[in-house]
Amino acid sequence: MSRINEAIKERILVLDGAMGTMLQRYNFSEADFRGERFKDFPHPLKGNNDLLSLTQPQAIRDVHRQYFEAGADIVETNTFSGTTIGMADYHLEELVYELNYESARIAREVADEFTAKNPAKPRFVAGSIGPTNRMASMSPDVNDPGYRAVTFDDLRIAYKQQTEALIDGGSDLLLVETIFDTLNAKAALFAIEEVKEERNIEIPIMVSGTITDASGRTLSGQTVEAFLISISHIPLLSVGFNCALGADQLKPYLQRLSHNTSFNISAHPNAGLPNAFGQYDQTPEEMQVLIREYLEDNLINIIGGCCGTNPEHIRLIAEVASAYPPRTVVAQ
């Protein structure tokens, strides 16, 4: 914990880019997702990227390695959907602990490999905790606004199991990310605090929300300032935004965040907005120009990429980030 707290004061830390974008390059088939272990599993498994930590671990290892080679200080575990709630879609709820543990262990192994090569630049593992596919504060049924597909307690229990496995597997910090419903995030933060208290440990926490469109709000309707207030009672390593928007669209919301908090600020935007085919066209060079504006405006302490970004994006982001000091955190 102390090493990342030291590092974030010294330089802008670089987060990795998209895991899904990289895995799509492999064109894994249903048989690849299943591997030998799940070849007779009675339900479809293609698309369950978290499962690849068990069935295609070398691919996950290679993705982490490519991001570290590109200059990333932090890689995220392959656990974005790693809760019983997320795995229910694939009937794999019983595998949740193993999925998270193995994903963290793989990332830890690669991080240690790179730290050993250059001890002056330690590499870190962020346990990725995604939002799940259910919302605690809104109904999925327009005809029944009082209905909830999940309860706070359901989320807390699921997140606690994920948190324990991510820590056991060797995560240095936890990243509660792509938050579209802050009540879900509060359940995750509550679960993390429970684990910290039970184990008598400290672990840094990053929180990253998602501004879903030009309204400047999360999907559950919160403004930047409301989102910040909702999670500021927890001691955080950083707060920031990722996904949904490209770097240029995200900038005004990072500015508002930066002006209202003494927490470190993180950002991992998409490579622009998706085109008509759902592809991301923004080049690494184009993204680097936009990220440079963040740095010139003293907005961020941690920078990376989300959907559509690859190691080349991260390479150019790391290159420009190395030329600037981290955002100065002023006590509010």
Protein backbone atom coordinates (compact mmCIF):
# COMPACT_ATOMS: atom_id res chain seq x y z
CA MET A 1 0.00 0.00 0.00
CA SER A 2 2.76 2.44 0.94
CA ARG A 3 4.50 1.89 -2.41
CA ILE A 4 1.53 3.03 -4.47
CA ASN A 5 0.95 5.99 -2.15
CA GLU A 6 4.56 6.99 -2.69
CA ALA A 7 4.42 6.43 -6.45
CA ILE A 8 1.28 8.52 -6.95
CA LYS A 9 3.00 11.50 -5.34
CA GLU A 10 6.03 11.16 -7.58
CA ARG A 11 4.44 10.77 -10.99
CA ILE A 12 1.24 10.36 -12.96
CA LEU A 13 0.42 6.66 -12.79
CA VAL A 14 -0.62 4.91 -16.00
CA LEU A 15 -3.48 2.42 -15.96
CA ASP A 16 -3.83 -0.22 -18.65
CA GLY A 17 -6.27 -0.16 -21.58
CA ALA A 18 -9.21 -2.35 -22.54
CA MET A 19 -9.14 -6.07 -21.80
CA GLY A 20 -12.17 -6.86 -23.99
CA THR A 21 -10.71 -5.04 -27.00
CA MET A 22 -7.57 -7.14 -26.75
CA LEU A 23 -9.39 -10.44 -26.25
CA GLN A 24 -11.51 -9.83 -29.35
CA ARG A 25 -8.30 -10.07 -31.38
CA TYR A 26 -8.04 -13.75 -30.48
CA ASN A 27 -11.44 -14.58 -32.05
CA PHE A 28 -12.00 -17.26 -29.43
CA SER A 29 -14.65 -19.83 -30.34
CA GLU A 30 -17.16 -21.46 -28.03
CA ALA A 31 -14.73 -24.37 -27.70
CA ASP A 32 -11.93 -21.97 -26.73
CA PHE A 33 -14.05 -20.42 -23.99
CA ARG A 34 -14.93 -23.88 -22.70
CA GLY A 35 -11.46 -25.37 -22.77
CA GLU A 36 -11.10 -28.97 -21.67
CA ARG A 37 -12.59 -28.35 -18.25
CA PHE A 38 -15.96 -27.07 -19.46
CA LYS A 39 -16.29 -28.94 -22.74
CA ASP A 40 -19.48 -30.69 -21.58
CA PHE A 41 -21.00 -27.73 -19.70
CA PRO A 42 -24.73 -27.60 -20.59
CA HIS A 43 -24.93 -23.82 -21.23
CA PRO A 44 -23.25 -21.50 -23.77
CA LEU A 45 -20.08 -19.84 -22.44
CA LYS A 46 -18.83 -17.77 -25.38
CA GLY A 47 -18.55 -14.13 -24.38
CA ASN A 48 -17.73 -14.82 -20.74
CA ASN A 49 -14.34 -13.08 -20.78
CA ASP A 50 -13.77 -13.64 -17.06
CA LEU A 51 -13.82 -17.39 -17.66
CA LEU A 52 -10.79 -17.08 -19.93
CA SER A 53 -8.64 -16.68 -16.80
CA LEU A 54 -9.30 -20.39 -16.27
CA THR A 55 -9.54 -21.70 -19.83
CA GLN A 56 -7.08 -19.41 -21.68
CA PRO A 57 -4.79 -18.07 -18.93
CA GLN A 58 -1.89 -17.52 -21.31
CA ALA A 59 -3.95 -15.03 -23.32
CA ILE A 60 -4.78 -13.07 -20.17
CA ARG A 61 -1.13 -13.16 -19.13
CA ASP A 62 -0.07 -11.89 -22.56
CA VAL A 63 -2.52 -8.98 -22.46
CA HIS A 64 -1.20 -7.87 -19.06
CA ARG A 65 2.36 -8.23 -20.33
CA GLN A 66 1.66 -6.08 -23.40
CA TYR A 67 0.22 -3.29 -21.26
CA PHE A 68 3.16 -3.34 -18.87
CA GLU A 69 5.55 -3.29 -21.84
CA ALA A 70 3.66 -0.26 -23.14
CA GLY A 71 4.40 1.59 -19.90
CA ALA A 72 1.43 0.86 -17.63
CA ASP A 73 2.05 1.08 -13.89
CA ILE A 74 -1.23 -0.65 -13.04
CA VAL A 75 -3.10 -3.48 -14.75
CA GLU A 76 -6.66 -4.45 -13.95
CA THR A 77 -7.63 -8.03 -13.22
CA ASN A 78 -9.86 -9.80 -15.75
CA THR A 79 -12.84 -9.73 -13.36
CA PHE A 80 -15.20 -7.03 -14.63
CA SER A 81 -18.20 -9.39 -14.35
CA GLY A 82 -16.79 -11.49 -11.54
CA THR A 83 -19.74 -11.59 -9.13
CA THR A 84 -22.41 -14.21 -8.58
CA ILE A 85 -24.83 -11.68 -10.10
CA GLY A 86 -22.79 -11.33 -13.28
CA MET A 87 -21.97 -15.03 -13.54
CA ALA A 88 -25.63 -16.01 -13.16
CA ASP A 89 -26.04 -15.31 -16.88
CA TYR A 90 -23.70 -18.23 -17.55
CA HIS A 91 -24.80 -20.47 -14.64
CA LEU A 92 -21.30 -20.23 -13.17
CA GLU A 93 -22.03 -18.63 -9.80
CA GLU A 94 -20.09 -21.33 -7.95
CA LEU A 95 -16.89 -20.40 -9.78
CA VAL A 96 -16.79 -16.77 -8.62
CA TYR A 97 -14.12 -17.13 -5.95
CA GLU A 98 -11.85 -19.16 -8.24
CA LEU A 99 -12.32 -16.78 -11.18
CA ASN A 100 -11.34 -13.75 -9.13
CA TYR A 101 -8.51 -15.48 -7.31
CA GLU A 102 -6.95 -16.84 -10.51
CA SER A 103 -7.36 -13.55 -12.37
CA ALA A 104 -5.60 -11.68 -9.58
CA ARG A 105 -2.89 -14.34 -9.33
CA ILE A 106 -2.14 -14.11 -13.07
CA ALA A 107 -1.90 -10.32 -12.97
CA ARG A 108 0.24 -10.48 -9.82
CA GLU A 109 2.64 -12.91 -11.48
CA VAL A 110 3.16 -10.59 -14.47
CA ALA A 111 3.41 -7.46 -12.30
CA ASP A 112 6.10 -9.09 -10.16
CA GLU A 113 7.99 -10.10 -13.28
CA PHE A 114 8.16 -6.46 -14.45
CA THR A 115 8.92 -5.07 -11.00
CA ALA A 116 11.85 -7.48 -10.72
CA LYS A 117 13.23 -6.14 -14.02
CA ASN A 118 12.99 -2.53 -12.81
CA PRO A 119 12.54 -2.21 -9.02
CA ALA A 120 12.58 1.58 -9.33
CA LYS A 121 9.26 1.36 -11.15
CA PRO A 122 7.04 -1.03 -9.17
CA ARG A 123 4.02 -2.42 -11.05
CA PHE A 124 0.63 -2.80 -9.39
CA VAL A 125 -2.48 -4.96 -9.71
CA ALA A 126 -5.93 -3.39 -9.45
CA GLY A 127 -8.72 -5.80 -8.61
CA SER A 128 -11.45 -4.84 -11.08
CA ILE A 129 -14.94 -4.67 -9.56
CA GLY A 130 -17.57 -3.96 -12.21
CA PRO A 131 -21.08 -2.58 -11.77
CA THR A 132 -23.02 -5.85 -12.39
CA ASN A 133 -25.89 -5.90 -14.89
CA ARG A 134 -28.57 -4.86 -12.37
CA MET A 135 -29.41 -1.53 -10.76
CA ALA A 136 -30.28 -1.13 -7.10
CA SER A 137 -31.86 2.32 -7.41
CA MET A 138 -34.02 2.00 -10.51
CA SER A 139 -36.60 -0.43 -11.83
CA PRO A 140 -35.94 -2.31 -15.07
CA ASP A 141 -39.73 -2.39 -15.63
CA VAL A 142 -41.30 0.91 -16.73
CA ASN A 143 -44.69 -0.45 -15.70
CA ASP A 144 -43.54 -1.13 -12.14
CA PRO A 145 -41.26 1.69 -10.96
CA GLY A 146 -41.10 0.31 -7.42
CA TYR A 147 -39.64 -3.03 -8.54
CA ARG A 148 -35.92 -3.75 -8.03
CA ALA A 149 -34.04 -6.56 -9.78
CA VAL A 150 -31.48 -6.64 -6.97
CA THR A 151 -31.25 -5.51 -3.35
CA PHE A 152 -28.43 -3.69 -1.57
CA ASP A 153 -27.80 -6.81 0.48
CA ASP A 154 -27.62 -9.02 -2.63
CA LEU A 155 -24.95 -6.71 -4.00
CA ARG A 156 -23.06 -6.44 -0.71
CA ILE A 157 -22.79 -10.21 -0.36
CA ALA A 158 -21.71 -10.66 -3.99
CA TYR A 159 -19.13 -7.89 -3.81
CA LYS A 160 -17.74 -9.18 -0.53
CA GLN A 161 -17.01 -12.58 -2.06
CA GLN A 162 -15.33 -10.93 -5.04
CA THR A 163 -13.28 -8.61 -2.82
CA GLU A 164 -11.99 -11.47 -0.65
CA ALA A 165 -10.87 -13.45 -3.70
CA LEU A 166 -9.20 -10.44 -5.34
CA ILE A 167 -7.23 -9.71 -2.17
CA ASP A 168 -6.32 -13.37 -1.67
CA GLY A 169 -5.06 -13.53 -5.26
CA GLY A 170 -2.64 -10.66 -4.70
CA SER A 171 -4.32 -7.39 -5.70
CA ASP A 172 -2.54 -4.24 -4.49
CA LEU A 173 -5.66 -2.10 -4.75
CA LEU A 174 -9.34 -2.38 -5.64
CA LEU A 175 -10.99 -0.52 -8.52
CA VAL A 176 -14.76 -0.08 -8.24
CA GLU A 177 -15.36 0.98 -11.83
CA THR A 178 -17.83 1.92 -14.55
CA ILE A 179 -20.35 3.00 -11.93
CA PHE A 180 -23.70 3.86 -13.48
CA ASP A 181 -25.68 3.43 -10.27
CA THR A 182 -24.02 4.84 -7.16
CA LEU A 183 -26.10 2.63 -4.88
CA ASN A 184 -24.39 -0.39 -6.46
CA ALA A 185 -21.03 1.27 -5.80
CA LYS A 186 -21.95 1.99 -2.19
CA ALA A 187 -22.72 -1.71 -1.74
CA ALA A 188 -19.28 -2.54 -3.12
CA LEU A 189 -17.59 0.01 -0.87
CA PHE A 190 -19.54 -1.26 2.14
CA ALA A 191 -18.41 -4.82 1.34
CA ILE A 192 -14.78 -3.72 1.00
CA GLU A 193 -14.92 -1.94 4.34
CA GLU A 194 -16.37 -5.10 5.92
CA VAL A 195 -13.48 -7.17 4.58
CA LYS A 196 -10.92 -4.59 5.72
CA GLU A 197 -12.39 -4.57 9.22
CA GLU A 198 -12.66 -8.35 9.49
CA ARG A 199 -9.09 -8.89 8.29
CA ASN A 200 -7.68 -5.81 10.00
CA ILE A 201 -6.03 -4.66 6.77
CA GLU A 202 -5.84 -1.54 4.65
CA ILE A 203 -6.06 -1.61 0.87
CA PRO A 204 -6.24 1.40 -1.47
CA ILE A 205 -9.54 1.92 -3.28
CA MET A 206 -10.13 3.61 -6.61
CA VAL A 207 -13.68 4.63 -7.54
CA SER A 208 -14.56 5.39 -11.16
CA GLY A 209 -18.01 6.45 -12.31
CA THR A 210 -19.52 6.70 -15.76
CA ILE A 211 -21.12 9.78 -17.26
CA THR A 212 -23.45 8.16 -19.74
CA ASP A 213 -24.28 11.00 -22.13
CA ALA A 214 -24.26 14.76 -22.74
CA SER A 215 -26.57 15.32 -19.76
CA GLY A 216 -23.47 15.05 -17.59
CA ARG A 217 -25.12 12.53 -15.28
CA THR A 218 -24.72 8.90 -14.36
CA LEU A 219 -27.41 6.51 -15.58
CA SER A 220 -29.15 6.72 -12.21
CA GLY A 221 -29.33 10.50 -12.59
CA GLN A 222 -26.52 11.91 -10.45
CA THR A 223 -24.44 14.91 -11.40
CA VAL A 224 -20.67 14.88 -10.95
CA GLU A 225 -20.98 16.71 -7.65
CA ALA A 226 -23.74 14.42 -6.32
CA PHE A 227 -21.75 11.34 -7.26
CA LEU A 228 -18.70 12.70 -5.46
CA ILE A 229 -20.67 13.51 -2.29
CA SER A 230 -22.18 10.02 -2.29
CA ILE A 231 -18.84 8.24 -2.08
CA SER A 232 -16.63 10.77 -0.26
CA HIS A 233 -17.23 9.27 3.19
CA ILE A 234 -14.84 6.43 2.29
CA PRO A 235 -11.07 7.06 2.36
CA LEU A 236 -10.15 6.67 -1.32
CA LEU A 237 -6.91 6.53 -3.26
CA SER A 238 -8.69 8.20 -6.17
CA VAL A 239 -12.02 9.12 -7.70
CA GLY A 240 -12.63 9.55 -11.41
CA PHE A 241 -14.53 8.57 -14.53
CA ASN A 242 -14.19 5.95 -17.25
CA CYS A 243 -16.01 4.50 -20.24
CA ALA A 244 -19.04 5.86 -22.18
CA LEU A 245 -17.22 8.97 -23.43
CA GLY A 246 -14.01 9.76 -25.26
CA ALA A 247 -11.28 11.90 -23.74
CA ASP A 248 -12.57 15.17 -25.22
CA GLN A 249 -16.18 14.62 -24.07
CA LEU A 250 -15.02 13.53 -20.61
CA LYS A 251 -12.80 16.52 -19.91
CA PRO A 252 -15.42 18.99 -18.56
CA TYR A 253 -16.60 16.44 -16.00
CA LEU A 254 -13.05 15.79 -14.83
CA GLN A 255 -12.62 19.54 -14.44
CA ARG A 256 -15.68 19.72 -12.21
CA LEU A 257 -14.47 16.75 -10.21
CA SER A 258 -11.00 18.19 -9.82
CA HIS A 259 -12.35 21.49 -8.50
CA ASN A 260 -14.44 19.78 -5.83
CA THR A 261 -12.22 17.17 -4.21
CA SER A 262 -8.86 16.64 -2.56
CA PHE A 263 -8.83 13.00 -3.66
CA ASN A 264 -6.48 11.98 -6.45
CA ILE A 265 -8.25 12.01 -9.83
CA SER A 266 -8.29 9.11 -12.31
CA ALA A 267 -9.55 8.86 -15.87
CA HIS A 268 -9.66 6.06 -18.38
CA PRO A 269 -11.77 7.25 -21.32
CA ASN A 270 -12.74 5.33 -24.43
CA ALA A 271 -10.88 5.73 -27.70
CA GLY A 272 -13.47 8.27 -28.83
CA LEU A 273 -17.11 7.41 -29.45
CA PRO A 274 -18.14 4.20 -31.24
CA ASN A 275 -18.97 4.38 -34.93
CA ALA A 276 -22.09 2.93 -36.54
CA PHE A 277 -20.59 -0.56 -36.28
CA GLY A 278 -19.67 -0.23 -32.61
CA GLN A 279 -15.98 0.14 -33.40
CA TYR A 280 -13.65 2.78 -31.95
CA ASP A 281 -11.73 4.75 -34.56
CA GLN A 282 -9.67 7.16 -32.47
CA THR A 283 -5.98 6.57 -33.10
CA PRO A 284 -3.36 6.48 -30.35
CA GLU A 285 -1.92 9.74 -31.73
CA GLU A 286 -5.33 11.47 -31.61
CA MET A 287 -5.95 10.26 -28.07
CA GLN A 288 -2.50 11.39 -26.95
CA VAL A 289 -3.25 14.97 -28.05
CA LEU A 290 -6.45 15.00 -25.97
CA ILE A 291 -4.76 13.48 -22.91
CA ARG A 292 -2.04 16.12 -23.13
CA GLU A 293 -4.77 18.71 -22.46
CA TYR A 294 -5.63 16.91 -19.20
CA LEU A 295 -2.00 17.13 -18.18
CA GLU A 296 -1.57 20.77 -19.13
CA ASP A 297 -4.64 21.63 -17.05
CA ASN A 298 -3.34 19.70 -14.00
CA LEU A 299 -6.42 17.46 -13.91
CA ILE A 300 -5.24 13.93 -13.20
CA ASN A 301 -3.09 11.60 -11.10
CA ILE A 302 -3.96 8.31 -12.84
CA ILE A 303 -4.61 7.97 -16.57
CA GLY A 304 -5.43 4.98 -18.77
CA GLY A 305 -7.83 3.80 -21.44
CA CYS A 306 -11.17 2.03 -21.63
CA CYS A 307 -13.14 0.64 -24.60
CA GLY A 308 -11.27 0.60 -27.88
CA THR A 309 -7.84 1.28 -26.39
CA ASN A 310 -4.90 -1.07 -26.85
CA PRO A 311 -1.21 -1.14 -25.87
CA GLU A 312 -0.31 1.42 -28.53
CA HIS A 313 -2.77 3.90 -27.01
CA ILE A 314 -1.27 3.25 -23.59
CA ARG A 315 2.27 3.59 -24.93
CA LEU A 316 1.59 7.10 -26.21
CA ILE A 317 -0.40 8.04 -23.11
CA ALA A 318 2.49 6.86 -20.89
CA GLU A 319 4.94 8.79 -23.05
CA VAL A 320 3.11 12.10 -22.67
CA ALA A 321 2.26 11.48 -18.99
CA SER A 322 5.95 11.08 -18.16
CA ALA A 323 6.55 14.71 -19.18
CA TYR A 324 4.15 16.20 -16.63
CA PRO A 325 3.89 16.25 -12.84
CA PRO A 326 0.81 14.69 -11.19
CA ARG A 327 -2.13 16.86 -10.28
CA THR A 328 -1.48 18.80 -7.13
CA VAL A 329 -3.99 17.72 -4.49
CA VAL A 330 -5.12 20.72 -2.45
CA ALA A 331 -6.99 20.07 0.80
CA GLN A 332 -10.55 21.37 0.58
